């Protein structure tokens, strides 16, 4: 599901990555 959320965020001008822990 994170990929779908990320696509929506990017379309709204958000960042290209979603952190799942501080280095991942």
PDBML (XML) file of the C-alpha atoms, coordinates in Angstrom:
<?xml version="1.0" encoding="UTF-8" ?>
<PDBx:datablock datablockName="MODEL"
   xmlns:PDBx="http://pdbml.pdb.org/schema/pdbx-v50.xsd"
   xmlns:xsi="http://www.w3.org/2001/XMLSchema-instance"
   xsi:schemaLocation="http://pdbml.pdb.org/schema/pdbx-v50.xsd pdbx-v50.xsd">
   <PDBx:atom_siteCategory>
      <PDBx:atom_site id="1">
         <PDBx:B_iso_or_equiv>0.00</PDBx:B_iso_or_equiv>
         <PDBx:Cartn_x>0.000</PDBx:Cartn_x>
         <PDBx:Cartn_y>0.000</PDBx:Cartn_y>
         <PDBx:Cartn_z>0.000</PDBx:Cartn_z>
         <PDBx:auth_asym_id>A</PDBx:auth_asym_id>
         <PDBx:auth_atom_id>CA</PDBx:auth_atom_id>
         <PDBx:auth_comp_id>UNK</PDBx:auth_comp_id>
         <PDBx:auth_seq_id>1</PDBx:auth_seq_id>
         <PDBx:group_PDB>ATOM</PDBx:group_PDB>
         <PDBx:label_alt_id xsi:nil="true" />
         <PDBx:label_asym_id>A</PDBx:label_asym_id>
         <PDBx:label_atom_id>CA</PDBx:label_atom_id>
         <PDBx:label_comp_id>UNK</PDBx:label_comp_id>
         <PDBx:label_entity_id>1</PDBx:label_entity_id>
         <PDBx:label_seq_id>1</PDBx:label_seq_id>
         <PDBx:occupancy>1.00</PDBx:occupancy>
         <PDBx:pdbx_PDB_model_num>1</PDBx:pdbx_PDB_model_num>
         <PDBx:type_symbol>C</PDBx:type_symbol>
      </PDBx:atom_site>
      <PDBx:atom_site id="2">
         <PDBx:B_iso_or_equiv>0.00</PDBx:B_iso_or_equiv>
         <PDBx:Cartn_x>2.896</PDBx:Cartn_x>
         <PDBx:Cartn_y>2.399</PDBx:Cartn_y>
         <PDBx:Cartn_z>0.570</PDBx:Cartn_z>
         <PDBx:auth_asym_id>A</PDBx:auth_asym_id>
         <PDBx:auth_atom_id>CA</PDBx:auth_atom_id>
         <PDBx:auth_comp_id>UNK</PDBx:auth_comp_id>
         <PDBx:auth_seq_id>2</PDBx:auth_seq_id>
         <PDBx:group_PDB>ATOM</PDBx:group_PDB>
         <PDBx:label_alt_id xsi:nil="true" />
         <PDBx:label_asym_id>A</PDBx:label_asym_id>
         <PDBx:label_atom_id>CA</PDBx:label_atom_id>
         <PDBx:label_comp_id>UNK</PDBx:label_comp_id>
         <PDBx:label_entity_id>1</PDBx:label_entity_id>
         <PDBx:label_seq_id>2</PDBx:label_seq_id>
         <PDBx:occupancy>1.00</PDBx:occupancy>
         <PDBx:pdbx_PDB_model_num>1</PDBx:pdbx_PDB_model_num>
         <PDBx:type_symbol>C</PDBx:type_symbol>
      </PDBx:atom_site>
      <PDBx:atom_site id="3">
         <PDBx:B_iso_or_equiv>0.00</PDBx:B_iso_or_equiv>
         <PDBx:Cartn_x>3.558</PDBx:Cartn_x>
         <PDBx:Cartn_y>2.616</PDBx:Cartn_y>
         <PDBx:Cartn_z>-3.179</PDBx:Cartn_z>
         <PDBx:auth_asym_id>A</PDBx:auth_asym_id>
         <PDBx:auth_atom_id>CA</PDBx:auth_atom_id>
         <PDBx:auth_comp_id>UNK</PDBx:auth_comp_id>
         <PDBx:auth_seq_id>3</PDBx:auth_seq_id>
         <PDBx:group_PDB>ATOM</PDBx:group_PDB>
         <PDBx:label_alt_id xsi:nil="true" />
         <PDBx:label_asym_id>A</PDBx:label_asym_id>
         <PDBx:label_atom_id>CA</PDBx:label_atom_id>
         <PDBx:label_comp_id>UNK</PDBx:label_comp_id>
         <PDBx:label_entity_id>1</PDBx:label_entity_id>
         <PDBx:label_seq_id>3</PDBx:label_seq_id>
         <PDBx:occupancy>1.00</PDBx:occupancy>
         <PDBx:pdbx_PDB_model_num>1</PDBx:pdbx_PDB_model_num>
         <PDBx:type_symbol>C</PDBx:type_symbol>
      </PDBx:atom_site>
      <PDBx:atom_site id="4">
         <PDBx:B_iso_or_equiv>0.00</PDBx:B_iso_or_equiv>
         <PDBx:Cartn_x>-0.016</PDBx:Cartn_x>
         <PDBx:Cartn_y>3.737</PDBx:Cartn_y>
         <PDBx:Cartn_z>-3.833</PDBx:Cartn_z>
         <PDBx:auth_asym_id>A</PDBx:auth_asym_id>
         <PDBx:auth_atom_id>CA</PDBx:auth_atom_id>
         <PDBx:auth_comp_id>UNK</PDBx:auth_comp_id>
         <PDBx:auth_seq_id>4</PDBx:auth_seq_id>
         <PDBx:group_PDB>ATOM</PDBx:group_PDB>
         <PDBx:label_alt_id xsi:nil="true" />
         <PDBx:label_asym_id>A</PDBx:label_asym_id>
         <PDBx:label_atom_id>CA</PDBx:label_atom_id>
         <PDBx:label_comp_id>UNK</PDBx:label_comp_id>
         <PDBx:label_entity_id>1</PDBx:label_entity_id>
         <PDBx:label_seq_id>4</PDBx:label_seq_id>
         <PDBx:occupancy>1.00</PDBx:occupancy>
         <PDBx:pdbx_PDB_model_num>1</PDBx:pdbx_PDB_model_num>
         <PDBx:type_symbol>C</PDBx:type_symbol>
      </PDBx:atom_site>
      <PDBx:atom_site id="5">
         <PDBx:B_iso_or_equiv>0.00</PDBx:B_iso_or_equiv>
         <PDBx:Cartn_x>0.098</PDBx:Cartn_x>
         <PDBx:Cartn_y>6.306</PDBx:Cartn_y>
         <PDBx:Cartn_z>-1.010</PDBx:Cartn_z>
         <PDBx:auth_asym_id>A</PDBx:auth_asym_id>
         <PDBx:auth_atom_id>CA</PDBx:auth_atom_id>
         <PDBx:auth_comp_id>UNK</PDBx:auth_comp_id>
         <PDBx:auth_seq_id>5</PDBx:auth_seq_id>
         <PDBx:group_PDB>ATOM</PDBx:group_PDB>
         <PDBx:label_alt_id xsi:nil="true" />
         <PDBx:label_asym_id>A</PDBx:label_asym_id>
         <PDBx:label_atom_id>CA</PDBx:label_atom_id>
         <PDBx:label_comp_id>UNK</PDBx:label_comp_id>
         <PDBx:label_entity_id>1</PDBx:label_entity_id>
         <PDBx:label_seq_id>5</PDBx:label_seq_id>
         <PDBx:occupancy>1.00</PDBx:occupancy>
         <PDBx:pdbx_PDB_model_num>1</PDBx:pdbx_PDB_model_num>
         <PDBx:type_symbol>C</PDBx:type_symbol>
      </PDBx:atom_site>
      <PDBx:atom_site id="6">
         <PDBx:B_iso_or_equiv>0.00</PDBx:B_iso_or_equiv>
         <PDBx:Cartn_x>3.432</PDBx:Cartn_x>
         <PDBx:Cartn_y>7.589</PDBx:Cartn_y>
         <PDBx:Cartn_z>-2.285</PDBx:Cartn_z>
         <PDBx:auth_asym_id>A</PDBx:auth_asym_id>
         <PDBx:auth_atom_id>CA</PDBx:auth_atom_id>
         <PDBx:auth_comp_id>UNK</PDBx:auth_comp_id>
         <PDBx:auth_seq_id>6</PDBx:auth_seq_id>
         <PDBx:group_PDB>ATOM</PDBx:group_PDB>
         <PDBx:label_alt_id xsi:nil="true" />
         <PDBx:label_asym_id>A</PDBx:label_asym_id>
         <PDBx:label_atom_id>CA</PDBx:label_atom_id>
         <PDBx:label_comp_id>UNK</PDBx:label_comp_id>
         <PDBx:label_entity_id>1</PDBx:label_entity_id>
         <PDBx:label_seq_id>6</PDBx:label_seq_id>
         <PDBx:occupancy>1.00</PDBx:occupancy>
         <PDBx:pdbx_PDB_model_num>1</PDBx:pdbx_PDB_model_num>
         <PDBx:type_symbol>C</PDBx:type_symbol>
      </PDBx:atom_site>
      <PDBx:atom_site id="7">
         <PDBx:B_iso_or_equiv>0.00</PDBx:B_iso_or_equiv>
         <PDBx:Cartn_x>2.118</PDBx:Cartn_x>
         <PDBx:Cartn_y>8.035</PDBx:Cartn_y>
         <PDBx:Cartn_z>-5.828</PDBx:Cartn_z>
         <PDBx:auth_asym_id>A</PDBx:auth_asym_id>
         <PDBx:auth_atom_id>CA</PDBx:auth_atom_id>
         <PDBx:auth_comp_id>UNK</PDBx:auth_comp_id>
         <PDBx:auth_seq_id>7</PDBx:auth_seq_id>
         <PDBx:group_PDB>ATOM</PDBx:group_PDB>
         <PDBx:label_alt_id xsi:nil="true" />
         <PDBx:label_asym_id>A</PDBx:label_asym_id>
         <PDBx:label_atom_id>CA</PDBx:label_atom_id>
         <PDBx:label_comp_id>UNK</PDBx:label_comp_id>
         <PDBx:label_entity_id>1</PDBx:label_entity_id>
         <PDBx:label_seq_id>7</PDBx:label_seq_id>
         <PDBx:occupancy>1.00</PDBx:occupancy>
         <PDBx:pdbx_PDB_model_num>1</PDBx:pdbx_PDB_model_num>
         <PDBx:type_symbol>C</PDBx:type_symbol>
      </PDBx:atom_site>
      <PDBx:atom_site id="8">
         <PDBx:B_iso_or_equiv>0.00</PDBx:B_iso_or_equiv>
         <PDBx:Cartn_x>-0.752</PDBx:Cartn_x>
         <PDBx:Cartn_y>10.131</PDBx:Cartn_y>
         <PDBx:Cartn_z>-4.471</PDBx:Cartn_z>
         <PDBx:auth_asym_id>A</PDBx:auth_asym_id>
         <PDBx:auth_atom_id>CA</PDBx:auth_atom_id>
         <PDBx:auth_comp_id>UNK</PDBx:auth_comp_id>
         <PDBx:auth_seq_id>8</PDBx:auth_seq_id>
         <PDBx:group_PDB>ATOM</PDBx:group_PDB>
         <PDBx:label_alt_id xsi:nil="true" />
         <PDBx:label_asym_id>A</PDBx:label_asym_id>
         <PDBx:label_atom_id>CA</PDBx:label_atom_id>
         <PDBx:label_comp_id>UNK</PDBx:label_comp_id>
         <PDBx:label_entity_id>1</PDBx:label_entity_id>
         <PDBx:label_seq_id>8</PDBx:label_seq_id>
         <PDBx:occupancy>1.00</PDBx:occupancy>
         <PDBx:pdbx_PDB_model_num>1</PDBx:pdbx_PDB_model_num>
         <PDBx:type_symbol>C</PDBx:type_symbol>
      </PDBx:atom_site>
      <PDBx:atom_site id="9">
         <PDBx:B_iso_or_equiv>0.00</PDBx:B_iso_or_equiv>
         <PDBx:Cartn_x>1.622</PDBx:Cartn_x>
         <PDBx:Cartn_y>12.185</PDBx:Cartn_y>
         <PDBx:Cartn_z>-2.308</PDBx:Cartn_z>
         <PDBx:auth_asym_id>A</PDBx:auth_asym_id>
         <PDBx:auth_atom_id>CA</PDBx:auth_atom_id>
         <PDBx:auth_comp_id>UNK</PDBx:auth_comp_id>
         <PDBx:auth_seq_id>9</PDBx:auth_seq_id>
         <PDBx:group_PDB>ATOM</PDBx:group_PDB>
         <PDBx:label_alt_id xsi:nil="true" />
         <PDBx:label_asym_id>A</PDBx:label_asym_id>
         <PDBx:label_atom_id>CA</PDBx:label_atom_id>
         <PDBx:label_comp_id>UNK</PDBx:label_comp_id>
         <PDBx:label_entity_id>1</PDBx:label_entity_id>
         <PDBx:label_seq_id>9</PDBx:label_seq_id>
         <PDBx:occupancy>1.00</PDBx:occupancy>
         <PDBx:pdbx_PDB_model_num>1</PDBx:pdbx_PDB_model_num>
         <PDBx:type_symbol>C</PDBx:type_symbol>
      </PDBx:atom_site>
      <PDBx:atom_site id="10">
         <PDBx:B_iso_or_equiv>0.00</PDBx:B_iso_or_equiv>
         <PDBx:Cartn_x>3.990</PDBx:Cartn_x>
         <PDBx:Cartn_y>12.819</PDBx:Cartn_y>
         <PDBx:Cartn_z>-5.238</PDBx:Cartn_z>
         <PDBx:auth_asym_id>A</PDBx:auth_asym_id>
         <PDBx:auth_atom_id>CA</PDBx:auth_atom_id>
         <PDBx:auth_comp_id>UNK</PDBx:auth_comp_id>
         <PDBx:auth_seq_id>10</PDBx:auth_seq_id>
         <PDBx:group_PDB>ATOM</PDBx:group_PDB>
         <PDBx:label_alt_id xsi:nil="true" />
         <PDBx:label_asym_id>A</PDBx:label_asym_id>
         <PDBx:label_atom_id>CA</PDBx:label_atom_id>
         <PDBx:label_comp_id>UNK</PDBx:label_comp_id>
         <PDBx:label_entity_id>1</PDBx:label_entity_id>
         <PDBx:label_seq_id>10</PDBx:label_seq_id>
         <PDBx:occupancy>1.00</PDBx:occupancy>
         <PDBx:pdbx_PDB_model_num>1</PDBx:pdbx_PDB_model_num>
         <PDBx:type_symbol>C</PDBx:type_symbol>
      </PDBx:atom_site>
      <PDBx:atom_site id="11">
         <PDBx:B_iso_or_equiv>0.00</PDBx:B_iso_or_equiv>
         <PDBx:Cartn_x>1.061</PDBx:Cartn_x>
         <PDBx:Cartn_y>13.913</PDBx:Cartn_y>
         <PDBx:Cartn_z>-7.420</PDBx:Cartn_z>
         <PDBx:auth_asym_id>A</PDBx:auth_asym_id>
         <PDBx:auth_atom_id>CA</PDBx:auth_atom_id>
         <PDBx:auth_comp_id>UNK</PDBx:auth_comp_id>
         <PDBx:auth_seq_id>11</PDBx:auth_seq_id>
         <PDBx:group_PDB>ATOM</PDBx:group_PDB>
         <PDBx:label_alt_id xsi:nil="true" />
         <PDBx:label_asym_id>A</PDBx:label_asym_id>
         <PDBx:label_atom_id>CA</PDBx:label_atom_id>
         <PDBx:label_comp_id>UNK</PDBx:label_comp_id>
         <PDBx:label_entity_id>1</PDBx:label_entity_id>
         <PDBx:label_seq_id>11</PDBx:label_seq_id>
         <PDBx:occupancy>1.00</PDBx:occupancy>
         <PDBx:pdbx_PDB_model_num>1</PDBx:pdbx_PDB_model_num>
         <PDBx:type_symbol>C</PDBx:type_symbol>
      </PDBx:atom_site>
      <PDBx:atom_site id="12">
         <PDBx:B_iso_or_equiv>0.00</PDBx:B_iso_or_equiv>
         <PDBx:Cartn_x>0.199</PDBx:Cartn_x>
         <PDBx:Cartn_y>16.439</PDBx:Cartn_y>
         <PDBx:Cartn_z>-4.697</PDBx:Cartn_z>
         <PDBx:auth_asym_id>A</PDBx:auth_asym_id>
         <PDBx:auth_atom_id>CA</PDBx:auth_atom_id>
         <PDBx:auth_comp_id>UNK</PDBx:auth_comp_id>
         <PDBx:auth_seq_id>12</PDBx:auth_seq_id>
         <PDBx:group_PDB>ATOM</PDBx:group_PDB>
         <PDBx:label_alt_id xsi:nil="true" />
         <PDBx:label_asym_id>A</PDBx:label_asym_id>
         <PDBx:label_atom_id>CA</PDBx:label_atom_id>
         <PDBx:label_comp_id>UNK</PDBx:label_comp_id>
         <PDBx:label_entity_id>1</PDBx:label_entity_id>
         <PDBx:label_seq_id>12</PDBx:label_seq_id>
         <PDBx:occupancy>1.00</PDBx:occupancy>
         <PDBx:pdbx_PDB_model_num>1</PDBx:pdbx_PDB_model_num>
         <PDBx:type_symbol>C</PDBx:type_symbol>
      </PDBx:atom_site>
      <PDBx:atom_site id="13">
         <PDBx:B_iso_or_equiv>0.00</PDBx:B_iso_or_equiv>
         <PDBx:Cartn_x>3.788</PDBx:Cartn_x>
         <PDBx:Cartn_y>17.745</PDBx:Cartn_y>
         <PDBx:Cartn_z>-4.632</PDBx:Cartn_z>
         <PDBx:auth_asym_id>A</PDBx:auth_asym_id>
         <PDBx:auth_atom_id>CA</PDBx:auth_atom_id>
         <PDBx:auth_comp_id>UNK</PDBx:auth_comp_id>
         <PDBx:auth_seq_id>13</PDBx:auth_seq_id>
         <PDBx:group_PDB>ATOM</PDBx:group_PDB>
         <PDBx:label_alt_id xsi:nil="true" />
         <PDBx:label_asym_id>A</PDBx:label_asym_id>
         <PDBx:label_atom_id>CA</PDBx:label_atom_id>
         <PDBx:label_comp_id>UNK</PDBx:label_comp_id>
         <PDBx:label_entity_id>1</PDBx:label_entity_id>
         <PDBx:label_seq_id>13</PDBx:label_seq_id>
         <PDBx:occupancy>1.00</PDBx:occupancy>
         <PDBx:pdbx_PDB_model_num>1</PDBx:pdbx_PDB_model_num>
         <PDBx:type_symbol>C</PDBx:type_symbol>
      </PDBx:atom_site>
      <PDBx:atom_site id="14">
         <PDBx:B_iso_or_equiv>0.00</PDBx:B_iso_or_equiv>
         <PDBx:Cartn_x>5.107</PDBx:Cartn_x>
         <PDBx:Cartn_y>15.528</PDBx:Cartn_y>
         <PDBx:Cartn_z>-1.857</PDBx:Cartn_z>
         <PDBx:auth_asym_id>A</PDBx:auth_asym_id>
         <PDBx:auth_atom_id>CA</PDBx:auth_atom_id>
         <PDBx:auth_comp_id>UNK</PDBx:auth_comp_id>
         <PDBx:auth_seq_id>14</PDBx:auth_seq_id>
         <PDBx:group_PDB>ATOM</PDBx:group_PDB>
         <PDBx:label_alt_id xsi:nil="true" />
         <PDBx:label_asym_id>A</PDBx:label_asym_id>
         <PDBx:label_atom_id>CA</PDBx:label_atom_id>
         <PDBx:label_comp_id>UNK</PDBx:label_comp_id>
         <PDBx:label_entity_id>1</PDBx:label_entity_id>
         <PDBx:label_seq_id>14</PDBx:label_seq_id>
         <PDBx:occupancy>1.00</PDBx:occupancy>
         <PDBx:pdbx_PDB_model_num>1</PDBx:pdbx_PDB_model_num>
         <PDBx:type_symbol>C</PDBx:type_symbol>
      </PDBx:atom_site>
      <PDBx:atom_site id="15">
         <PDBx:B_iso_or_equiv>0.00</PDBx:B_iso_or_equiv>
         <PDBx:Cartn_x>8.561</PDBx:Cartn_x>
         <PDBx:Cartn_y>13.918</PDBx:Cartn_y>
         <PDBx:Cartn_z>-1.499</PDBx:Cartn_z>
         <PDBx:auth_asym_id>A</PDBx:auth_asym_id>
         <PDBx:auth_atom_id>CA</PDBx:auth_atom_id>
         <PDBx:auth_comp_id>UNK</PDBx:auth_comp_id>
         <PDBx:auth_seq_id>15</PDBx:auth_seq_id>
         <PDBx:group_PDB>ATOM</PDBx:group_PDB>
         <PDBx:label_alt_id xsi:nil="true" />
         <PDBx:label_asym_id>A</PDBx:label_asym_id>
         <PDBx:label_atom_id>CA</PDBx:label_atom_id>
         <PDBx:label_comp_id>UNK</PDBx:label_comp_id>
         <PDBx:label_entity_id>1</PDBx:label_entity_id>
         <PDBx:label_seq_id>15</PDBx:label_seq_id>
         <PDBx:occupancy>1.00</PDBx:occupancy>
         <PDBx:pdbx_PDB_model_num>1</PDBx:pdbx_PDB_model_num>
         <PDBx:type_symbol>C</PDBx:type_symbol>
      </PDBx:atom_site>
      <PDBx:atom_site id="16">
         <PDBx:B_iso_or_equiv>0.00</PDBx:B_iso_or_equiv>
         <PDBx:Cartn_x>9.602</PDBx:Cartn_x>
         <PDBx:Cartn_y>10.878</PDBx:Cartn_y>
         <PDBx:Cartn_z>-3.606</PDBx:Cartn_z>
         <PDBx:auth_asym_id>A</PDBx:auth_asym_id>
         <PDBx:auth_atom_id>CA</PDBx:auth_atom_id>
         <PDBx:auth_comp_id>UNK</PDBx:auth_comp_id>
         <PDBx:auth_seq_id>16</PDBx:auth_seq_id>
         <PDBx:group_PDB>ATOM</PDBx:group_PDB>
         <PDBx:label_alt_id xsi:nil="true" />
         <PDBx:label_asym_id>A</PDBx:label_asym_id>
         <PDBx:label_atom_id>CA</PDBx:label_atom_id>
         <PDBx:label_comp_id>UNK</PDBx:label_comp_id>
         <PDBx:label_entity_id>1</PDBx:label_entity_id>
         <PDBx:label_seq_id>16</PDBx:label_seq_id>
         <PDBx:occupancy>1.00</PDBx:occupancy>
         <PDBx:pdbx_PDB_model_num>1</PDBx:pdbx_PDB_model_num>
         <PDBx:type_symbol>C</PDBx:type_symbol>
      </PDBx:atom_site>
      <PDBx:atom_site id="17">
         <PDBx:B_iso_or_equiv>0.00</PDBx:B_iso_or_equiv>
         <PDBx:Cartn_x>10.390</PDBx:Cartn_x>
         <PDBx:Cartn_y>8.652</PDBx:Cartn_y>
         <PDBx:Cartn_z>-0.612</PDBx:Cartn_z>
         <PDBx:auth_asym_id>A</PDBx:auth_asym_id>
         <PDBx:auth_atom_id>CA</PDBx:auth_atom_id>
         <PDBx:auth_comp_id>UNK</PDBx:auth_comp_id>
         <PDBx:auth_seq_id>17</PDBx:auth_seq_id>
         <PDBx:group_PDB>ATOM</PDBx:group_PDB>
         <PDBx:label_alt_id xsi:nil="true" />
         <PDBx:label_asym_id>A</PDBx:label_asym_id>
         <PDBx:label_atom_id>CA</PDBx:label_atom_id>
         <PDBx:label_comp_id>UNK</PDBx:label_comp_id>
         <PDBx:label_entity_id>1</PDBx:label_entity_id>
         <PDBx:label_seq_id>17</PDBx:label_seq_id>
         <PDBx:occupancy>1.00</PDBx:occupancy>
         <PDBx:pdbx_PDB_model_num>1</PDBx:pdbx_PDB_model_num>
         <PDBx:type_symbol>C</PDBx:type_symbol>
      </PDBx:atom_site>
      <PDBx:atom_site id="18">
         <PDBx:B_iso_or_equiv>0.00</PDBx:B_iso_or_equiv>
         <PDBx:Cartn_x>8.523</PDBx:Cartn_x>
         <PDBx:Cartn_y>7.379</PDBx:Cartn_y>
         <PDBx:Cartn_z>2.448</PDBx:Cartn_z>
         <PDBx:auth_asym_id>A</PDBx:auth_asym_id>
         <PDBx:auth_atom_id>CA</PDBx:auth_atom_id>
         <PDBx:auth_comp_id>UNK</PDBx:auth_comp_id>
         <PDBx:auth_seq_id>18</PDBx:auth_seq_id>
         <PDBx:group_PDB>ATOM</PDBx:group_PDB>
         <PDBx:label_alt_id xsi:nil="true" />
         <PDBx:label_asym_id>A</PDBx:label_asym_id>
         <PDBx:label_atom_id>CA</PDBx:label_atom_id>
         <PDBx:label_comp_id>UNK</PDBx:label_comp_id>
         <PDBx:label_entity_id>1</PDBx:label_entity_id>
         <PDBx:label_seq_id>18</PDBx:label_seq_id>
         <PDBx:occupancy>1.00</PDBx:occupancy>
         <PDBx:pdbx_PDB_model_num>1</PDBx:pdbx_PDB_model_num>
         <PDBx:type_symbol>C</PDBx:type_symbol>
      </PDBx:atom_site>
      <PDBx:atom_site id="19">
         <PDBx:B_iso_or_equiv>0.00</PDBx:B_iso_or_equiv>
         <PDBx:Cartn_x>10.620</PDBx:Cartn_x>
         <PDBx:Cartn_y>6.541</PDBx:Cartn_y>
         <PDBx:Cartn_z>5.519</PDBx:Cartn_z>
         <PDBx:auth_asym_id>A</PDBx:auth_asym_id>
         <PDBx:auth_atom_id>CA</PDBx:auth_atom_id>
         <PDBx:auth_comp_id>UNK</PDBx:auth_comp_id>
         <PDBx:auth_seq_id>19</PDBx:auth_seq_id>
         <PDBx:group_PDB>ATOM</PDBx:group_PDB>
         <PDBx:label_alt_id xsi:nil="true" />
         <PDBx:label_asym_id>A</PDBx:label_asym_id>
         <PDBx:label_atom_id>CA</PDBx:label_atom_id>
         <PDBx:label_comp_id>UNK</PDBx:label_comp_id>
         <PDBx:label_entity_id>1</PDBx:label_entity_id>
         <PDBx:label_seq_id>19</PDBx:label_seq_id>
         <PDBx:occupancy>1.00</PDBx:occupancy>
         <PDBx:pdbx_PDB_model_num>1</PDBx:pdbx_PDB_model_num>
         <PDBx:type_symbol>C</PDBx:type_symbol>
      </PDBx:atom_site>
      <PDBx:atom_site id="20">
         <PDBx:B_iso_or_equiv>0.00</PDBx:B_iso_or_equiv>
         <PDBx:Cartn_x>9.814</PDBx:Cartn_x>
         <PDBx:Cartn_y>3.259</PDBx:Cartn_y>
         <PDBx:Cartn_z>7.270</PDBx:Cartn_z>
         <PDBx:auth_asym_id>A</PDBx:auth_asym_id>
         <PDBx:auth_atom_id>CA</PDBx:auth_atom_id>
         <PDBx:auth_comp_id>UNK</PDBx:auth_comp_id>
         <PDBx:auth_seq_id>20</PDBx:auth_seq_id>
         <PDBx:group_PDB>ATOM</PDBx:group_PDB>
         <PDBx:label_alt_id xsi:nil="true" />
         <PDBx:label_asym_id>A</PDBx:label_asym_id>
         <PDBx:label_atom_id>CA</PDBx:label_atom_id>
         <PDBx:label_comp_id>UNK</PDBx:label_comp_id>
         <PDBx:label_entity_id>1</PDBx:label_entity_id>
         <PDBx:label_seq_id>20</PDBx:label_seq_id>
         <PDBx:occupancy>1.00</PDBx:occupancy>
         <PDBx:pdbx_PDB_model_num>1</PDBx:pdbx_PDB_model_num>
         <PDBx:type_symbol>C</PDBx:type_symbol>
      </PDBx:atom_site>
      <PDBx:atom_site id="21">
         <PDBx:B_iso_or_equiv>0.00</PDBx:B_iso_or_equiv>
         <PDBx:Cartn_x>12.712</PDBx:Cartn_x>
         <PDBx:Cartn_y>3.647</PDBx:Cartn_y>
         <PDBx:Cartn_z>9.705</PDBx:Cartn_z>
         <PDBx:auth_asym_id>A</PDBx:auth_asym_id>
         <PDBx:auth_atom_id>CA</PDBx:auth_atom_id>
         <PDBx:auth_comp_id>UNK</PDBx:auth_comp_id>
         <PDBx:auth_seq_id>21</PDBx:auth_seq_id>
         <PDBx:group_PDB>ATOM</PDBx:group_PDB>
         <PDBx:label_alt_id xsi:nil="true" />
         <PDBx:label_asym_id>A</PDBx:label_asym_id>
         <PDBx:label_atom_id>CA</PDBx:label_atom_id>
         <PDBx:label_comp_id>UNK</PDBx:label_comp_id>
         <PDBx:label_entity_id>1</PDBx:label_entity_id>
         <PDBx:label_seq_id>21</PDBx:label_seq_id>
         <PDBx:occupancy>1.00</PDBx:occupancy>
         <PDBx:pdbx_PDB_model_num>1</PDBx:pdbx_PDB_model_num>
         <PDBx:type_symbol>C</PDBx:type_symbol>
      </PDBx:atom_site>
      <PDBx:atom_site id="22">
         <PDBx:B_iso_or_equiv>0.00</PDBx:B_iso_or_equiv>
         <PDBx:Cartn_x>15.505</PDBx:Cartn_x>
         <PDBx:Cartn_y>6.240</PDBx:Cartn_y>
         <PDBx:Cartn_z>10.022</PDBx:Cartn_z>
         <PDBx:auth_asym_id>A</PDBx:auth_asym_id>
         <PDBx:auth_atom_id>CA</PDBx:auth_atom_id>
         <PDBx:auth_comp_id>UNK</PDBx:auth_comp_id>
         <PDBx:auth_seq_id>22</PDBx:auth_seq_id>
         <PDBx:group_PDB>ATOM</PDBx:group_PDB>
         <PDBx:label_alt_id xsi:nil="true" />
         <PDBx:label_asym_id>A</PDBx:label_asym_id>
         <PDBx:label_atom_id>CA</PDBx:label_atom_id>
         <PDBx:label_comp_id>UNK</PDBx:label_comp_id>
         <PDBx:label_entity_id>1</PDBx:label_entity_id>
         <PDBx:label_seq_id>22</PDBx:label_seq_id>
         <PDBx:occupancy>1.00</PDBx:occupancy>
         <PDBx:pdbx_PDB_model_num>1</PDBx:pdbx_PDB_model_num>
         <PDBx:type_symbol>C</PDBx:type_symbol>
      </PDBx:atom_site>
      <PDBx:atom_site id="23">
         <PDBx:B_iso_or_equiv>0.00</PDBx:B_iso_or_equiv>
         <PDBx:Cartn_x>17.691</PDBx:Cartn_x>
         <PDBx:Cartn_y>4.647</PDBx:Cartn_y>
         <PDBx:Cartn_z>7.307</PDBx:Cartn_z>
         <PDBx:auth_asym_id>A</PDBx:auth_asym_id>
         <PDBx:auth_atom_id>CA</PDBx:auth_atom_id>
         <PDBx:auth_comp_id>UNK</PDBx:auth_comp_id>
         <PDBx:auth_seq_id>23</PDBx:auth_seq_id>
         <PDBx:group_PDB>ATOM</PDBx:group_PDB>
         <PDBx:label_alt_id xsi:nil="true" />
         <PDBx:label_asym_id>A</PDBx:label_asym_id>
         <PDBx:label_atom_id>CA</PDBx:label_atom_id>
         <PDBx:label_comp_id>UNK</PDBx:label_comp_id>
         <PDBx:label_entity_id>1</PDBx:label_entity_id>
         <PDBx:label_seq_id>23</PDBx:label_seq_id>
         <PDBx:occupancy>1.00</PDBx:occupancy>
         <PDBx:pdbx_PDB_model_num>1</PDBx:pdbx_PDB_model_num>
         <PDBx:type_symbol>C</PDBx:type_symbol>
      </PDBx:atom_site>
      <PDBx:atom_site id="24">
         <PDBx:B_iso_or_equiv>0.00</PDBx:B_iso_or_equiv>
         <PDBx:Cartn_x>15.119</PDBx:Cartn_x>
         <PDBx:Cartn_y>2.691</PDBx:Cartn_y>
         <PDBx:Cartn_z>5.269</PDBx:Cartn_z>
         <PDBx:auth_asym_id>A</PDBx:auth_asym_id>
         <PDBx:auth_atom_id>CA</PDBx:auth_atom_id>
         <PDBx:auth_comp_id>UNK</PDBx:auth_comp_id>
         <PDBx:auth_seq_id>24</PDBx:auth_seq_id>
         <PDBx:group_PDB>ATOM</PDBx:group_PDB>
         <PDBx:label_alt_id xsi:nil="true" />
         <PDBx:label_asym_id>A</PDBx:label_asym_id>
         <PDBx:label_atom_id>CA</PDBx:label_atom_id>
         <PDBx:label_comp_id>UNK</PDBx:label_comp_id>
         <PDBx:label_entity_id>1</PDBx:label_entity_id>
         <PDBx:label_seq_id>24</PDBx:label_seq_id>
         <PDBx:occupancy>1.00</PDBx:occupancy>
         <PDBx:pdbx_PDB_model_num>1</PDBx:pdbx_PDB_model_num>
         <PDBx:type_symbol>C</PDBx:type_symbol>
      </PDBx:atom_site>
   </PDBx:atom_siteCategory>
</PDBx:datablock>
